[in-house]
PDB file of N, CA and C in Angstrom:
ATOM      1  N   MET A   1       6.657  41.920  71.719  1.00  0.00           N
ATOM      2  CA  MET A   1       5.326  41.379  71.551  1.00  0.00           C
ATOM      3  C   MET A   1       4.388  42.142  72.484  1.00  0.00           C
ATOM      4  N   PRO A   2       3.244  42.624  71.973  1.00  0.00           N
ATOM      5  CA  PRO A   2       2.308  43.346  72.831  1.00  0.00           C
ATOM      6  C   PRO A   2       1.824  42.491  74.005  1.00  0.00           C
ATOM      7  N   LYS A   3       1.712  43.142  75.144  1.00  0.00           N
ATOM      8  CA  LYS A   3       1.309  42.484  76.384  1.00  0.00           C
ATOM      9  C   LYS A   3      -0.046  43.033  76.804  1.00  0.00           C
ATOM     10  N   PHE A   4      -0.910  42.149  77.345  1.00  0.00           N
ATOM     11  CA  PHE A   4      -2.249  42.543  77.752  1.00  0.00           C
ATOM     12  C   PHE A   4      -2.583  42.009  79.136  1.00  0.00           C
ATOM     13  N   LEU A   5      -3.302  42.816  79.899  1.00  0.00           N
ATOM     14  CA  LEU A   5      -3.909  42.392  81.154  1.00  0.00           C
ATOM     15  C   LEU A   5      -5.349  42.015  80.812  1.00  0.00           C
ATOM     16  N   ILE A   6      -5.741  40.795  81.148  1.00  0.00           N
ATOM     17  CA  ILE A   6      -7.106  40.347  80.905  1.00  0.00           C
ATOM     18  C   ILE A   6      -7.758  40.077  82.251  1.00  0.00           C
ATOM     19  N   GLN A   7      -8.890  40.719  82.483  1.00  0.00           N
ATOM     20  CA  GLN A   7      -9.663  40.518  83.704  1.00  0.00           C
ATOM     21  C   GLN A   7     -10.985  39.887  83.297  1.00  0.00           C
ATOM     22  N   SER A   8     -11.332  38.784  83.951  1.00  0.00           N
ATOM     23  CA  SER A   8     -12.499  38.006  83.552  1.00  0.00           C
ATOM     24  C   SER A   8     -13.417  37.721  84.723  1.00  0.00           C
ATOM     25  N   THR A   9     -14.700  37.633  84.400  1.00  0.00           N
ATOM     26  CA  THR A   9     -15.713  37.249  85.363  1.00  0.00           C
ATOM     27  C   THR A   9     -16.550  36.143  84.739  1.00  0.00           C
ATOM     28  N   TYR A  10     -16.679  35.034  85.441  1.00  0.00           N
ATOM     29  CA  TYR A  10     -17.469  33.914  84.937  1.00  0.00           C
ATOM     30  C   TYR A  10     -18.958  34.180  85.117  1.00  0.00           C
ATOM     31  N   THR A  11     -19.746  33.751  84.136  1.00  0.00           N
ATOM     32  CA  THR A  11     -21.192  33.734  84.285  1.00  0.00           C
ATOM     33  C   THR A  11     -21.530  32.504  85.129  1.00  0.00           C
ATOM     34  N   THR A  12     -22.799  32.317  85.422  1.00  0.00           N
ATOM     35  CA  THR A  12     -23.220  31.130  86.172  1.00  0.00           C
ATOM     36  C   THR A  12     -22.805  29.862  85.440  1.00  0.00           C
ATOM     37  N   GLU A  13     -23.035  29.819  84.147  1.00  0.00           N
ATOM     38  CA  GLU A  13     -22.665  28.634  83.366  1.00  0.00           C
ATOM     39  C   GLU A  13     -21.154  28.444  83.335  1.00  0.00           C
ATOM     40  N   GLY A  14     -20.409  29.530  83.202  1.00  0.00           N
ATOM     41  CA  GLY A  14     -18.951  29.441  83.214  1.00  0.00           C
ATOM     42  C   GLY A  14     -18.432  28.924  84.546  1.00  0.00           C
ATOM     43  N   THR A  15     -19.038  29.368  85.632  1.00  0.00           N
ATOM     44  CA  THR A  15     -18.641  28.908  86.962  1.00  0.00           C
ATOM     45  C   THR A  15     -18.924  27.422  87.123  1.00  0.00           C
ATOM     46  N   LYS A  16     -20.054  26.960  86.600  1.00  0.00           N
ATOM     47  CA  LYS A  16     -20.359  25.525  86.644  1.00  0.00           C
ATOM     48  C   LYS A  16     -19.298  24.727  85.885  1.00  0.00           C
ATOM     49  N   GLY A  17     -18.869  25.246  84.746  1.00  0.00           N
ATOM     50  CA  GLY A  17     -17.812  24.593  83.975  1.00  0.00           C
ATOM     51  C   GLY A  17     -16.499  24.551  84.726  1.00  0.00           C
ATOM     52  N   LEU A  18     -16.153  25.650  85.397  1.00  0.00           N
ATOM     53  CA  LEU A  18     -14.935  25.704  86.205  1.00  0.00           C
ATOM     54  C   LEU A  18     -14.998  24.677  87.331  1.00  0.00           C
ATOM     55  N   LEU A  19     -16.135  24.597  87.998  1.00  0.00           N
ATOM     56  CA  LEU A  19     -16.288  23.614  89.070  1.00  0.00           C
ATOM     57  C   LEU A  19     -16.162  22.184  88.546  1.00  0.00           C
ATOM     58  N   SER A  20     -16.624  21.960  87.336  1.00  0.00           N
ATOM     59  CA  SER A  20     -16.586  20.632  86.735  1.00  0.00           C
ATOM     60  C   SER A  20     -15.169  20.212  86.324  1.00  0.00           C
ATOM     61  N   GLU A  21     -14.428  21.131  85.680  1.00  0.00           N
ATOM     62  CA  GLU A  21     -13.110  20.744  85.155  1.00  0.00           C
ATOM     63  C   GLU A  21     -11.937  21.208  85.991  1.00  0.00           C
ATOM     64  N   GLY A  22     -12.168  22.100  86.940  1.00  0.00           N
ATOM     65  CA  GLY A  22     -11.097  22.568  87.814  1.00  0.00           C
ATOM     66  C   GLY A  22     -10.218  23.630  87.182  1.00  0.00           C
ATOM     67  N   ALA A  23      -9.406  24.234  88.027  1.00  0.00           N
ATOM     68  CA  ALA A  23      -8.531  25.323  87.584  1.00  0.00           C
ATOM     69  C   ALA A  23      -7.491  24.842  86.577  1.00  0.00           C
ATOM     70  N   SER A  24      -6.961  23.652  86.774  1.00  0.00           N
ATOM     71  CA  SER A  24      -5.941  23.154  85.847  1.00  0.00           C
ATOM     72  C   SER A  24      -6.527  22.919  84.452  1.00  0.00           C
ATOM     73  N   GLY A  25      -7.791  22.544  84.400  1.00  0.00           N
ATOM     74  CA  GLY A  25      -8.455  22.394  83.104  1.00  0.00           C
ATOM     75  C   GLY A  25      -8.597  23.713  82.383  1.00  0.00           C
ATOM     76  N   ARG A  26      -8.912  24.746  83.127  1.00  0.00           N
ATOM     77  CA  ARG A  26      -9.023  26.079  82.521  1.00  0.00           C
ATOM     78  C   ARG A  26      -7.656  26.582  82.086  1.00  0.00           C
ATOM     79  N   ARG A  27      -6.629  26.307  82.906  1.00  0.00           N
ATOM     80  CA  ARG A  27      -5.269  26.714  82.530  1.00  0.00           C
ATOM     81  C   ARG A  27      -4.887  26.098  81.182  1.00  0.00           C
ATOM     82  N   ALA A  28      -5.178  24.811  81.021  1.00  0.00           N
ATOM     83  CA  ALA A  28      -4.865  24.131  79.763  1.00  0.00           C
ATOM     84  C   ALA A  28      -5.620  24.756  78.593  1.00  0.00           C
ATOM     85  N   ALA A  29      -6.889  25.099  78.800  1.00  0.00           N
ATOM     86  CA  ALA A  29      -7.690  25.712  77.738  1.00  0.00           C
ATOM     87  C   ALA A  29      -7.146  27.087  77.362  1.00  0.00           C
ATOM     88  N   VAL A  30      -6.763  27.869  78.361  1.00  0.00           N
ATOM     89  CA  VAL A  30      -6.200  29.197  78.113  1.00  0.00           C
ATOM     90  C   VAL A  30      -4.879  29.072  77.366  1.00  0.00           C
ATOM     91  N   GLU A  31      -4.006  28.191  77.833  1.00  0.00           N
ATOM     92  CA  GLU A  31      -2.708  27.968  77.167  1.00  0.00           C
ATOM     93  C   GLU A  31      -2.912  27.596  75.700  1.00  0.00           C
ATOM     94  N   GLN A  32      -3.871  26.720  75.445  1.00  0.00           N
ATOM     95  CA  GLN A  32      -4.106  26.249  74.080  1.00  0.00           C
ATOM     96  C   GLN A  32      -4.522  27.395  73.166  1.00  0.00           C
ATOM     97  N   ILE A  33      -5.463  28.219  73.613  1.00  0.00           N
ATOM     98  CA  ILE A  33      -5.945  29.298  72.753  1.00  0.00           C
ATOM     99  C   ILE A  33      -4.868  30.370  72.548  1.00  0.00           C
ATOM    100  N   VAL A  34      -4.118  30.686  73.605  1.00  0.00           N
ATOM    101  CA  VAL A  34      -3.092  31.733  73.506  1.00  0.00           C
ATOM    102  C   VAL A  34      -1.924  31.261  72.641  1.00  0.00           C
ATOM    103  N   THR A  35      -1.395  30.083  72.917  1.00  0.00           N
ATOM    104  CA  THR A  35      -0.256  29.593  72.129  1.00  0.00           C
ATOM    105  C   THR A  35      -0.674  29.278  70.696  1.00  0.00           C
ATOM    106  N   GLY A  36      -1.934  28.901  70.498  1.00  0.00           N
ATOM    107  CA  GLY A  36      -2.427  28.641  69.148  1.00  0.00           C
ATOM    108  C   GLY A  36      -2.392  29.864  68.251  1.00  0.00           C
ATOM    109  N   LEU A  37      -2.380  31.039  68.846  1.00  0.00           N
ATOM    110  CA  LEU A  37      -2.289  32.285  68.083  1.00  0.00           C
ATOM    111  C   LEU A  37      -0.904  32.912  68.189  1.00  0.00           C
ATOM    112  N   GLY A  38       0.076  32.109  68.628  1.00  0.00           N
ATOM    113  CA  GLY A  38       1.454  32.605  68.683  1.00  0.00           C
ATOM    114  C   GLY A  38       1.779  33.397  69.929  1.00  0.00           C
ATOM    115  N   GLY A  39       0.930  33.315  70.952  1.00  0.00           N
ATOM    116  CA  GLY A  39       1.140  34.081  72.174  1.00  0.00           C
ATOM    117  C   GLY A  39       1.725  33.246  73.295  1.00  0.00           C
ATOM    118  N   LYS A  40       1.815  33.893  74.460  1.00  0.00           N
ATOM    119  CA  LYS A  40       2.367  33.244  75.648  1.00  0.00           C
ATOM    120  C   LYS A  40       1.620  33.745  76.878  1.00  0.00           C
ATOM    121  N   VAL A  41       1.293  32.829  77.794  1.00  0.00           N
ATOM    122  CA  VAL A  41       0.683  33.208  79.066  1.00  0.00           C
ATOM    123  C   VAL A  41       1.816  33.499  80.049  1.00  0.00           C
ATOM    124  N   GLU A  42       1.904  34.737  80.499  1.00  0.00           N
ATOM    125  CA  GLU A  42       2.938  35.110  81.468  1.00  0.00           C
ATOM    126  C   GLU A  42       2.490  34.790  82.890  1.00  0.00           C
ATOM    127  N   ALA A  43       1.224  35.077  83.183  1.00  0.00           N
ATOM    128  CA  ALA A  43       0.701  34.835  84.536  1.00  0.00           C
ATOM    129  C   ALA A  43      -0.794  34.569  84.439  1.00  0.00           C
ATOM    130  N   MET A  44      -1.270  33.711  85.348  1.00  0.00           N
ATOM    131  CA  MET A  44      -2.702  33.407  85.417  1.00  0.00           C
ATOM    132  C   MET A  44      -3.054  33.168  86.876  1.00  0.00           C
ATOM    133  N   TYR A  45      -3.988  33.964  87.364  1.00  0.00           N
ATOM    134  CA  TYR A  45      -4.412  33.860  88.760  1.00  0.00           C
ATOM    135  C   TYR A  45      -5.929  33.839  88.846  1.00  0.00           C
ATOM    136  N   PHE A  46      -6.456  32.979  89.704  1.00  0.00           N
ATOM    137  CA  PHE A  46      -7.863  33.036  90.041  1.00  0.00           C
ATOM    138  C   PHE A  46      -8.005  33.976  91.231  1.00  0.00           C
ATOM    139  N   ALA A  47      -9.151  34.640  91.307  1.00  0.00           N
ATOM    140  CA  ALA A  47      -9.387  35.626  92.357  1.00  0.00           C
ATOM    141  C   ALA A  47     -10.850  35.529  92.777  1.00  0.00           C
ATOM    142  N   PHE A  48     -11.206  36.290  93.772  1.00  0.00           N
ATOM    143  CA  PHE A  48     -12.616  36.433  94.102  1.00  0.00           C
ATOM    144  C   PHE A  48     -12.846  37.896  94.370  1.00  0.00           C
ATOM    145  N   GLY A  49     -14.067  38.325  94.173  1.00  0.00           N
ATOM    146  CA  GLY A  49     -14.393  39.740  94.215  1.00  0.00           C
ATOM    147  C   GLY A  49     -14.970  40.115  92.866  1.00  0.00           C
ATOM    148  N   GLU A  50     -14.584  41.257  92.349  1.00  0.00           N
ATOM    149  CA  GLU A  50     -15.112  41.712  91.061  1.00  0.00           C
ATOM    150  C   GLU A  50     -14.646  40.816  89.910  1.00  0.00           C
ATOM    151  N   ASP A  51     -13.397  40.351  89.956  1.00  0.00           N
ATOM    152  CA  ASP A  51     -12.847  39.490  88.913  1.00  0.00           C
ATOM    153  C   ASP A  51     -12.647  38.074  89.441  1.00  0.00           C
ATOM    154  N   ASP A  52     -12.874  37.101  88.567  1.00  0.00           N
ATOM    155  CA  ASP A  52     -12.653  35.703  88.912  1.00  0.00           C
ATOM    156  C   ASP A  52     -11.309  35.193  88.410  1.00  0.00           C
ATOM    157  N   LEU A  53     -10.804  35.811  87.358  1.00  0.00           N
ATOM    158  CA  LEU A  53      -9.581  35.360  86.721  1.00  0.00           C
ATOM    159  C   LEU A  53      -8.820  36.569  86.202  1.00  0.00           C
ATOM    160  N   VAL A  54      -7.516  36.588  86.432  1.00  0.00           N
ATOM    161  CA  VAL A  54      -6.665  37.670  85.959  1.00  0.00           C
ATOM    162  C   VAL A  54      -5.490  37.036  85.225  1.00  0.00           C
ATOM    163  N   LEU A  55      -5.229  37.523  84.013  1.00  0.00           N
ATOM    164  CA  LEU A  55      -4.143  36.991  83.195  1.00  0.00           C
ATOM    165  C   LEU A  55      -3.262  38.112  82.678  1.00  0.00           C
ATOM    166  N   ILE A  56      -2.010  37.803  82.462  1.00  0.00           N
ATOM    167  CA  ILE A  56      -1.124  38.655  81.687  1.00  0.00           C
ATOM    168  C   ILE A  56      -0.632  37.785  80.541  1.00  0.00           C
ATOM    169  N   VAL A  57      -0.904  38.232  79.316  1.00  0.00           N
ATOM    170  CA  VAL A  57      -0.550  37.452  78.138  1.00  0.00           C
ATOM    171  C   VAL A  57       0.189  38.322  77.125  1.00  0.00           C
ATOM    172  N   ASP A  58       1.020  37.655  76.332  1.00  0.00           N
ATOM    173  CA  ASP A  58       1.696  38.294  75.198  1.00  0.00           C
ATOM    174  C   ASP A  58       1.059  37.740  73.933  1.00  0.00           C
ATOM    175  N   PHE A  59       0.785  38.623  72.975  1.00  0.00           N
ATOM    176  CA  PHE A  59       0.294  38.206  71.668  1.00  0.00           C
ATOM    177  C   PHE A  59       1.153  38.861  70.603  1.00  0.00           C
ATOM    178  N   PRO A  60       1.250  38.241  69.427  1.00  0.00           N
ATOM    179  CA  PRO A  60       2.082  38.822  68.379  1.00  0.00           C
ATOM    180  C   PRO A  60       1.587  40.183  67.900  1.00  0.00           C
ATOM    181  N   ASP A  61       0.274  40.420  68.034  1.00  0.00           N
ATOM    182  CA  ASP A  61      -0.295  41.696  67.591  1.00  0.00           C
ATOM    183  C   ASP A  61      -1.676  41.875  68.221  1.00  0.00           C
ATOM    184  N   PRO A  62      -2.204  43.094  68.188  1.00  0.00           N
ATOM    185  CA  PRO A  62      -3.530  43.347  68.782  1.00  0.00           C
ATOM    186  C   PRO A  62      -4.661  42.580  68.109  1.00  0.00           C
ATOM    187  N   VAL A  63      -4.502  42.210  66.851  1.00  0.00           N
ATOM    188  CA  VAL A  63      -5.544  41.464  66.153  1.00  0.00           C
ATOM    189  C   VAL A  63      -5.721  40.084  66.782  1.00  0.00           C
ATOM    190  N   ALA A  64      -4.626  39.454  67.198  1.00  0.00           N
ATOM    191  CA  ALA A  64      -4.719  38.160  67.880  1.00  0.00           C
ATOM    192  C   ALA A  64      -5.496  38.308  69.184  1.00  0.00           C
ATOM    193  N   MET A  65      -5.222  39.383  69.935  1.00  0.00           N
ATOM    194  CA  MET A  65      -5.952  39.631  71.177  1.00  0.00           C
ATOM    195  C   MET A  65      -7.431  39.833  70.884  1.00  0.00           C
ATOM    196  N   ALA A  66      -7.744  40.570  69.823  1.00  0.00           N
ATOM    197  CA  ALA A  66      -9.138  40.816  69.458  1.00  0.00           C
ATOM    198  C   ALA A  66      -9.833  39.510  69.070  1.00  0.00           C
ATOM    199  N   ALA A  67      -9.129  38.630  68.365  1.00  0.00           N
ATOM    200  CA  ALA A  67      -9.709  37.339  67.967  1.00  0.00           C
ATOM    201  C   ALA A  67     -10.071  36.509  69.193  1.00  0.00           C
ATOM    202  N   VAL A  68      -9.184  36.470  70.178  1.00  0.00           N
ATOM    203  CA  VAL A  68      -9.459  35.740  71.416  1.00  0.00           C
ATOM    204  C   VAL A  68     -10.643  36.375  72.138  1.00  0.00           C
ATOM    205  N   SER A  69     -10.623  37.677  72.258  1.00  0.00           N
ATOM    206  CA  SER A  69     -11.693  38.384  72.962  1.00  0.00           C
ATOM    207  C   SER A  69     -13.058  38.094  72.342  1.00  0.00           C
ATOM    208  N   LEU A  70     -13.147  38.176  71.032  1.00  0.00           N
ATOM    209  CA  LEU A  70     -14.420  37.923  70.357  1.00  0.00           C
ATOM    210  C   LEU A  70     -14.897  36.488  70.576  1.00  0.00           C
ATOM    211  N   THR A  71     -13.984  35.543  70.467  1.00  0.00           N
ATOM    212  CA  THR A  71     -14.339  34.131  70.616  1.00  0.00           C
ATOM    213  C   THR A  71     -14.804  33.822  72.036  1.00  0.00           C
ATOM    214  N   VAL A  72     -14.060  34.322  73.017  1.00  0.00           N
ATOM    215  CA  VAL A  72     -14.402  34.057  74.421  1.00  0.00           C
ATOM    216  C   VAL A  72     -15.728  34.712  74.784  1.00  0.00           C
ATOM    217  N   LYS A  73     -15.911  35.960  74.373  1.00  0.00           N
ATOM    218  CA  LYS A  73     -17.158  36.657  74.691  1.00  0.00           C
ATOM    219  C   LYS A  73     -18.357  35.998  74.015  1.00  0.00           C
ATOM    220  N   ALA A  74     -18.167  35.489  72.800  1.00  0.00           N
ATOM    221  CA  ALA A  74     -19.264  34.837  72.086  1.00  0.00           C
ATOM    222  C   ALA A  74     -19.724  33.562  72.782  1.00  0.00           C
ATOM    223  N   SER A  75     -18.859  32.975  73.603  1.00  0.00           N
ATOM    224  CA  SER A  75     -19.243  31.754  74.319  1.00  0.00           C
ATOM    225  C   SER A  75     -20.330  32.020  75.352  1.00  0.00           C
ATOM    226  N   GLY A  76     -20.393  33.242  75.859  1.00  0.00           N
ATOM    227  CA  GLY A  76     -21.368  33.591  76.884  1.00  0.00           C
ATOM    228  C   GLY A  76     -21.003  33.101  78.278  1.00  0.00           C
ATOM    229  N   ALA A  77     -19.872  32.402  78.416  1.00  0.00           N
ATOM    230  CA  ALA A  77     -19.475  31.839  79.711  1.00  0.00           C
ATOM    231  C   ALA A  77     -18.612  32.780  80.538  1.00  0.00           C
ATOM    232  N   VAL A  78     -18.044  33.784  79.872  1.00  0.00           N
ATOM    233  CA  VAL A  78     -17.088  34.665  80.548  1.00  0.00           C
ATOM    234  C   VAL A  78     -17.276  36.087  80.037  1.00  0.00           C
ATOM    235  N   HIS A  79     -17.225  37.047  80.943  1.00  0.00           N
ATOM    236  CA  HIS A  79     -17.163  38.466  80.582  1.00  0.00           C
ATOM    237  C   HIS A  79     -15.716  38.891  80.779  1.00  0.00           C
ATOM    238  N   THR A  80     -15.126  39.516  79.760  1.00  0.00           N
ATOM    239  CA  THR A  80     -13.718  39.899  79.855  1.00  0.00           C
ATOM    240  C   THR A  80     -13.513  41.356  79.492  1.00  0.00           C
ATOM    241  N   ARG A  81     -12.379  41.876  79.946  1.00  0.00           N
ATOM    242  CA  ARG A  81     -11.896  43.165  79.466  1.00  0.00           C
ATOM    243  C   ARG A  81     -10.380  43.052  79.365  1.00  0.00           C
ATOM    244  N   ALA A  82      -9.865  43.554  78.276  1.00  0.00           N
ATOM    245  CA  ALA A  82      -8.426  43.485  78.020  1.00  0.00           C
ATOM    246  C   ALA A  82      -7.846  44.892  78.019  1.00  0.00           C
ATOM    247  N   THR A  83      -6.723  45.039  78.692  1.00  0.00           N
ATOM    248  CA  THR A  83      -6.039  46.320  78.773  1.00  0.00           C
ATOM    249  C   THR A  83      -4.633  46.161  78.203  1.00  0.00           C
ATOM    250  N   PRO A  84      -4.288  46.946  77.180  1.00  0.00           N
ATOM    251  CA  PRO A  84      -2.914  46.880  76.675  1.00  0.00           C
ATOM    252  C   PRO A  84      -1.947  47.375  77.755  1.00  0.00           C
ATOM    253  N   LEU A  85      -0.830  46.690  77.900  1.00  0.00           N
ATOM    254  CA  LEU A  85       0.190  47.082  78.873  1.00  0.00           C
ATOM    255  C   LEU A  85       1.419  47.591  78.125  1.00  0.00           C
ATOM    256  N   LEU A  86       1.965  48.695  78.593  1.00  0.00           N
ATOM    257  CA  LEU A  86       3.135  49.303  77.963  1.00  0.00           C
ATOM    258  C   LEU A  86       4.325  49.252  78.909  1.00  0.00           C
ATOM    259  N   THR A  87       5.501  49.069  78.339  1.00  0.00           N
ATOM    260  CA  THR A  87       6.725  49.066  79.144  1.00  0.00           C
ATOM    261  C   THR A  87       7.119  50.499  79.490  1.00  0.00           C
ATOM    262  N   LEU A  88       8.042  50.636  80.416  1.00  0.00           N
ATOM    263  CA  LEU A  88       8.557  51.960  80.760  1.00  0.00           C
ATOM    264  C   LEU A  88       9.222  52.603  79.548  1.00  0.00           C
ATOM    265  N   ASP A  89       9.967  51.832  78.775  1.00  0.00           N
ATOM    266  CA  ASP A  89      10.619  52.363  77.571  1.00  0.00           C
ATOM    267  C   ASP A  89       9.594  52.859  76.557  1.00  0.00           C
ATOM    268  N   GLU A  90       8.479  52.139  76.413  1.00  0.00           N
ATOM    269  CA  GLU A  90       7.442  52.574  75.475  1.00  0.00           C
ATOM    270  C   GLU A  90       6.817  53.892  75.912  1.00  0.00           C
ATOM    271  N   ILE A  91       6.610  54.068  77.201  1.00  0.00           N
ATOM    272  CA  ILE A  91       6.066  55.342  77.699  1.00  0.00           C
ATOM    273  C   ILE A  91       7.085  56.462  77.517  1.00  0.00           C
ATOM    274  N   ASP A  92       8.368  56.170  77.772  1.00  0.00           N
ATOM    275  CA  ASP A  92       9.411  57.181  77.529  1.00  0.00           C
ATOM    276  C   ASP A  92       9.411  57.609  76.065  1.00  0.00           C
ATOM    277  N   GLU A  93       9.293  56.639  75.155  1.00  0.00           N
ATOM    278  CA  GLU A  93       9.248  56.963  73.727  1.00  0.00           C
ATOM    279  C   GLU A  93       8.022  57.813  73.404  1.00  0.00           C
ATOM    280  N   ALA A  94       6.874  57.458  73.978  1.00  0.00           N
ATOM    281  CA  ALA A  94       5.651  58.231  73.748  1.00  0.00           C
ATOM    282  C   ALA A  94       5.801  59.664  74.265  1.00  0.00           C
ATOM    283  N   ALA A  95       6.461  59.819  75.400  1.00  0.00           N
ATOM    284  CA  ALA A  95       6.644  61.147  75.988  1.00  0.00           C
ATOM    285  C   ALA A  95       7.548  62.022  75.126  1.00  0.00           C
ATOM    286  N   ARG A  96       8.444  61.417  74.374  1.00  0.00           N
ATOM    287  CA  ARG A  96       9.350  62.181  73.504  1.00  0.00           C
ATOM    288  C   ARG A  96       8.700  62.609  72.196  1.00  0.00           C
ATOM    289  N   ARG A  97       7.629  61.976  71.799  1.00  0.00           N
ATOM    290  CA  ARG A  97       6.984  62.308  70.525  1.00  0.00           C
ATOM    291  C   ARG A  97       6.220  63.618  70.633  1.00  0.00           C
ATOM    292  N   GLN A  98       6.352  64.421  69.597  1.00  0.00           N
ATOM    293  CA  GLN A  98       5.654  65.696  69.542  1.00  0.00           C
ATOM    294  C   GLN A  98       4.241  65.467  69.015  1.00  0.00           C
ATOM    295  N   VAL A  99       3.260  66.003  69.727  1.00  0.00           N
ATOM    296  CA  VAL A  99       1.860  65.869  69.333  1.00  0.00           C
ATOM    297  C   VAL A  99       1.279  67.267  69.205  1.00  0.00           C
ATOM    298  N   SER A 100       0.726  67.549  68.031  1.00  0.00           N
ATOM    299  CA  SER A 100       0.073  68.828  67.820  1.00  0.00           C
ATOM    300  C   SER A 100      -1.370  68.704  68.298  1.00  0.00           C
ATOM    301  N   PHE A 101      -1.711  69.441  69.346  1.00  0.00           N
ATOM    302  CA  PHE A 101      -3.044  69.324  69.943  1.00  0.00           C
ATOM    303  C   PHE A 101      -3.493  70.679  70.436  1.00  0.00           C
ATOM    304  N   ARG A 102      -4.761  70.967  70.241  1.00  0.00           N
ATOM    305  CA  ARG A 102      -5.384  72.171  70.774  1.00  0.00           C
ATOM    306  C   ARG A 102      -6.591  71.719  71.561  1.00  0.00           C
ATOM    307  N   ALA A 103      -6.651  72.073  72.839  1.00  0.00           N
ATOM    308  CA  ALA A 103      -7.784  71.709  73.681  1.00  0.00           C
ATOM    309  C   ALA A 103      -9.042  72.398  73.183  1.00  0.00           C
ATOM    310  N   PRO A 104     -10.204  71.783  73.349  1.00  0.00           N
ATOM    311  CA  PRO A 104     -11.451  72.406  72.914  1.00  0.00           C
ATOM    312  C   PRO A 104     -11.633  73.784  73.576  1.00  0.00           C
ATOM    313  N   GLY A 105     -12.049  74.749  72.757  1.00  0.00           N
ATOM    314  CA  GLY A 105     -12.329  76.088  73.275  1.00  0.00           C
ATOM    315  C   GLY A 105     -11.108  76.964  73.461  1.00  0.00           C
ATOM    316  N   LYS A 106      -9.921  76.488  73.102  1.00  0.00           N
ATOM    317  CA  LYS A 106      -8.695  77.287  73.289  1.00  0.00           C
ATOM    318  C   LYS A 106      -8.221  77.873  71.998  1.00  0.00           C
TER     319      LYS A 106
END
């Protein structure tokens, strides 16, 4: 199952919501949306600095991740970025594949 790193930053309104319902309330909301699309939350951490929330999630396919991303971003309460995560075996497989490429100007 594809794995993603999600880094999120709350807007002012999102932060007010977090203060109102607490971290456990947000955990429940995240679990509901992820499992509702056949995924699993591997890790969820709150942070401070550039990111307010960091997650590692599994989804059945990239389309499920895109559906979550679009829905969450449309709320206006959270800014997110998702990064696909690859296993060591997946990188080894990628390294073995032959790619025909010519650099520009060569």
